[in-house]
Protein backbone atom coordinates (compact mmCIF):
# COMPACT_ATOMS: atom_id res chain seq x y z
CA MET A 1 -94.28 16.42 25.80
CA SER A 2 -90.93 15.31 27.09
CA ASN A 3 -89.45 11.88 26.49
CA VAL A 4 -91.10 10.24 29.53
CA TYR A 5 -92.56 7.65 27.13
CA GLU A 6 -89.14 6.86 25.65
CA GLN A 7 -87.38 6.46 28.99
CA CYS A 8 -89.23 6.61 32.26
CA PRO A 9 -87.05 8.32 34.86
CA ILE A 10 -86.37 6.99 38.34
CA LEU A 11 -87.34 9.60 40.94
CA GLU A 12 -86.49 9.53 44.63
CA ASN A 13 -86.02 11.28 47.93
CA ASP A 14 -84.68 9.97 51.24
CA ARG A 15 -87.75 7.82 51.92
CA PHE A 16 -89.22 6.74 48.58
CA LEU A 17 -88.04 5.60 45.17
CA LEU A 18 -90.33 5.73 42.14
CA ARG A 19 -89.47 3.51 39.20
CA PHE A 20 -91.40 2.23 36.21
CA VAL A 21 -93.82 -0.58 37.09
CA THR A 22 -92.86 -4.14 36.11
CA ARG A 23 -94.67 -7.47 36.04
CA GLY A 24 -92.35 -8.54 38.85
CA ASP A 25 -94.15 -6.07 41.15
CA ALA A 26 -97.40 -8.04 41.01
CA THR A 27 -97.07 -9.95 44.29
CA ASP A 28 -96.23 -6.83 46.31
CA LEU A 29 -98.79 -4.66 44.52
CA LEU A 30 -101.44 -7.29 45.22
CA LYS A 31 -101.07 -6.24 48.88
CA VAL A 32 -102.03 -2.71 47.80
CA TYR A 33 -104.83 -3.44 45.37
CA SER A 34 -106.48 -6.14 47.51
CA ASP A 35 -106.39 -3.85 50.56
CA LYS A 36 -110.06 -3.01 51.16
CA ASN A 37 -109.07 -0.18 53.51
CA ALA A 38 -107.04 1.48 50.74
CA LEU A 39 -109.69 1.05 48.05
CA PRO A 40 -111.78 4.14 48.97
CA PHE A 41 -108.77 6.38 48.27
CA PHE A 42 -108.08 5.10 44.73
CA ASN A 43 -109.21 7.38 41.90
CA SER A 44 -111.06 5.32 39.33
CA ASP A 45 -112.86 8.24 37.68
CA ASN A 46 -113.26 7.74 33.94
CA CYS A 47 -111.70 4.24 34.09
CA HIS A 48 -114.47 2.30 32.33
CA GLY A 49 -115.88 0.83 35.56
CA ASP A 50 -112.58 -0.45 36.97
CA ASN A 51 -112.39 0.32 40.70
CA PHE A 52 -108.78 -0.92 41.09
CA TYR A 53 -109.72 -3.74 43.45
CA TYR A 54 -107.61 -6.74 42.42
CA PRO A 55 -108.05 -9.61 44.90
CA THR A 56 -106.05 -12.22 42.96
CA LYS A 57 -102.56 -12.43 41.46
CA GLU A 58 -104.11 -13.12 38.04
CA ARG A 59 -106.17 -9.93 38.23
CA MET A 60 -103.12 -7.97 39.37
CA ASP A 61 -101.09 -9.38 36.46
CA LYS A 62 -103.80 -8.27 34.01
CA ALA A 63 -103.81 -4.77 35.49
CA ILE A 64 -100.04 -4.47 35.17
CA ASP A 65 -100.23 -5.76 31.58
CA PHE A 66 -102.73 -2.99 30.87
CA TRP A 67 -100.47 -0.40 32.51
CA LEU A 68 -97.54 -1.55 30.37
CA TYR A 69 -99.69 -1.49 27.23
CA SER A 70 -100.92 2.02 28.13
CA TYR A 71 -97.37 3.24 28.56
CA ASN A 72 -96.42 1.87 25.13
CA GLN A 73 -99.45 3.65 23.67
CA LYS A 74 -98.43 6.86 25.49
CA PHE A 75 -101.69 6.99 27.48
CA PHE A 76 -100.12 7.27 30.93
CA VAL A 77 -97.08 6.38 33.04
CA ARG A 78 -97.36 4.19 36.13
CA TRP A 79 -94.51 4.22 38.64
CA THR A 80 -94.11 1.69 41.45
CA ILE A 81 -93.47 3.33 44.82
CA ILE A 82 -90.71 1.63 46.81
CA ASP A 83 -90.27 2.31 50.52
CA LYS A 84 -86.48 2.53 50.77
CA LYS A 85 -86.46 1.33 54.37
CA THR A 86 -88.33 -1.93 53.70
CA GLU A 87 -87.30 -2.15 50.02
CA GLU A 88 -90.82 -3.21 49.06
CA PRO A 89 -93.44 -1.73 46.73
CA ILE A 90 -96.17 0.03 48.72
CA GLY A 91 -98.21 1.56 45.89
CA THR A 92 -98.16 3.25 42.52
CA ILE A 93 -98.34 6.71 41.00
CA GLU A 94 -99.95 7.30 37.62
CA LEU A 95 -99.56 10.50 35.64
CA PHE A 96 -100.70 11.69 32.23
CA HIS A 97 -101.33 14.84 30.24
CA ARG A 98 -105.08 15.29 29.87
CA ILE A 99 -106.70 16.73 26.76
CA ALA A 100 -110.39 17.47 27.23
CA GLU A 101 -113.13 20.01 26.69
CA ASP A 102 -113.59 21.06 30.30
CA ASP A 103 -111.77 23.20 32.88
CA PHE A 104 -109.09 20.51 33.21
CA ASN A 105 -107.77 20.67 29.65
CA HIS A 106 -103.98 20.31 29.29
CA VAL A 107 -103.37 19.48 32.94
CA GLY A 108 -101.38 16.66 34.46
CA VAL A 109 -103.58 14.12 36.20
CA LEU A 110 -102.05 12.38 39.22
CA ARG A 111 -103.36 9.13 40.65
CA LEU A 112 -101.74 8.07 43.92
CA ASP A 113 -102.52 4.57 45.24
CA VAL A 114 -100.88 3.38 48.46
CA ARG A 115 -101.47 0.63 50.99
CA SER A 116 -103.72 1.77 53.82
CA ASP A 117 -100.82 1.83 56.30
CA TYR A 118 -99.22 4.55 54.10
CA GLU A 119 -102.39 6.65 53.90
CA LYS A 120 -100.78 9.14 56.26
CA SER A 121 -100.23 12.86 55.73
CA GLU A 122 -96.45 12.70 56.13
CA ALA A 123 -96.00 9.83 53.65
CA ILE A 124 -98.34 11.40 51.09
CA TYR A 125 -96.56 14.75 51.40
CA GLU A 126 -93.19 13.08 50.83
CA LEU A 127 -94.55 11.29 47.74
CA LEU A 128 -95.88 14.57 46.34
CA SER A 129 -92.46 16.13 46.90
CA VAL A 130 -90.90 13.41 44.75
CA ILE A 131 -93.27 13.56 41.78
CA ILE A 132 -94.75 17.08 41.53
CA PRO A 133 -91.56 19.09 40.80
CA ARG A 134 -90.71 16.84 37.84
CA ALA A 135 -94.28 16.29 36.62
CA TYR A 136 -94.67 19.73 35.01
CA GLU A 137 -91.80 19.12 32.62
CA LEU A 138 -92.38 15.39 32.12
CA PHE A 139 -96.01 15.93 31.16
CA ASP A 140 -95.77 19.38 29.57
CA CYS A 141 -98.29 21.07 31.86
CA LYS A 142 -98.58 24.08 34.12
CA LYS A 143 -101.26 22.58 36.38
CA ILE A 144 -101.66 19.21 38.07
CA ILE A 145 -104.89 17.80 39.46
CA SER A 146 -105.63 14.88 41.74
CA LYS A 147 -108.81 13.52 43.27
CA VAL A 148 -108.96 13.91 47.04
CA PRO A 149 -112.27 12.68 48.49
CA VAL A 150 -113.84 14.69 51.31
CA TYR A 151 -113.32 11.83 53.78
CA ALA A 152 -109.57 11.54 52.97
CA ILE A 153 -108.46 13.61 55.96
CA GLU A 154 -104.78 12.61 55.79
CA ARG A 155 -104.64 13.33 52.03
CA ILE A 156 -106.38 16.67 52.44
CA ASP A 157 -103.78 17.65 55.03
CA ALA A 158 -100.86 16.57 52.80
CA PHE A 159 -102.21 18.12 49.61
CA SER A 160 -103.03 21.39 51.42
CA LYS A 161 -99.58 21.59 52.97
CA TYR A 162 -97.98 20.92 49.59
CA GLY A 163 -99.90 23.82 47.99
CA PHE A 164 -102.85 22.15 46.28
CA GLU A 165 -106.23 23.85 46.52
CA LYS A 166 -109.67 22.33 46.21
CA SER A 167 -111.17 23.11 42.81
CA GLU A 168 -114.85 23.84 42.32
CA SER A 169 -114.57 22.66 38.71
CA LEU A 170 -115.84 19.25 37.72
CA LEU A 171 -113.93 16.77 35.58
CA GLU A 172 -116.02 15.55 32.65
CA GLY A 173 -115.46 11.94 31.70
CA THR A 174 -114.12 11.71 28.18
CA MET A 175 -116.15 8.58 27.39
CA ASP A 176 -119.26 8.74 29.56
CA HIS A 177 -119.41 12.56 30.06
CA TYR A 178 -120.13 11.93 33.73
CA LEU A 179 -119.11 14.85 35.95
CA TYR A 180 -116.61 13.95 38.69
CA ASN A 181 -115.90 16.11 41.75
CA ASN A 182 -113.37 16.45 44.57
CA TYR A 183 -110.38 17.46 42.46
CA TRP A 184 -107.52 19.46 43.91
CA ILE A 185 -105.20 21.55 41.77
CA ILE A 186 -101.72 23.03 41.97
CA HIS A 187 -100.17 25.55 39.59
CA LYS A 188 -96.53 25.64 38.55
């Protein structure tokens, strides 16, 4: 893998800036992770029962501490998404290289969490255009997957337009061996 775990790059386009998450993001990210309308779009598959609903600052702080710990352990990278117009965090993107014994071995796994007011096709497409081109190299993969639930109409539109296709393969949980569906895939 590349040196993403030695120095996390800042990525951006005209609308969004992605930078490594910090504890200072907690207050703004609380608006994302306490947003009950955004919660159904978060991918918590294989996350030991965590559904990413953090209704208090203390719970948000603990989540960020875990994200920082996970980065130091080289488990995954979590970027904070900044809307350049408002200059505020509106979500996060997580990425990691997955090693498993299923059809999704050696793929990049993308988790995209945004406030519900950003759960729009155009915004999601722009976020994909920031992260996907660099993700292949950063995470040493030729394929990237992301969960897109069947009710996520805006996401389906954005992911389809970007070039993702719905996969019929199931993701097997590495700990619980539960089979998860609704993954979309793009090839380099």
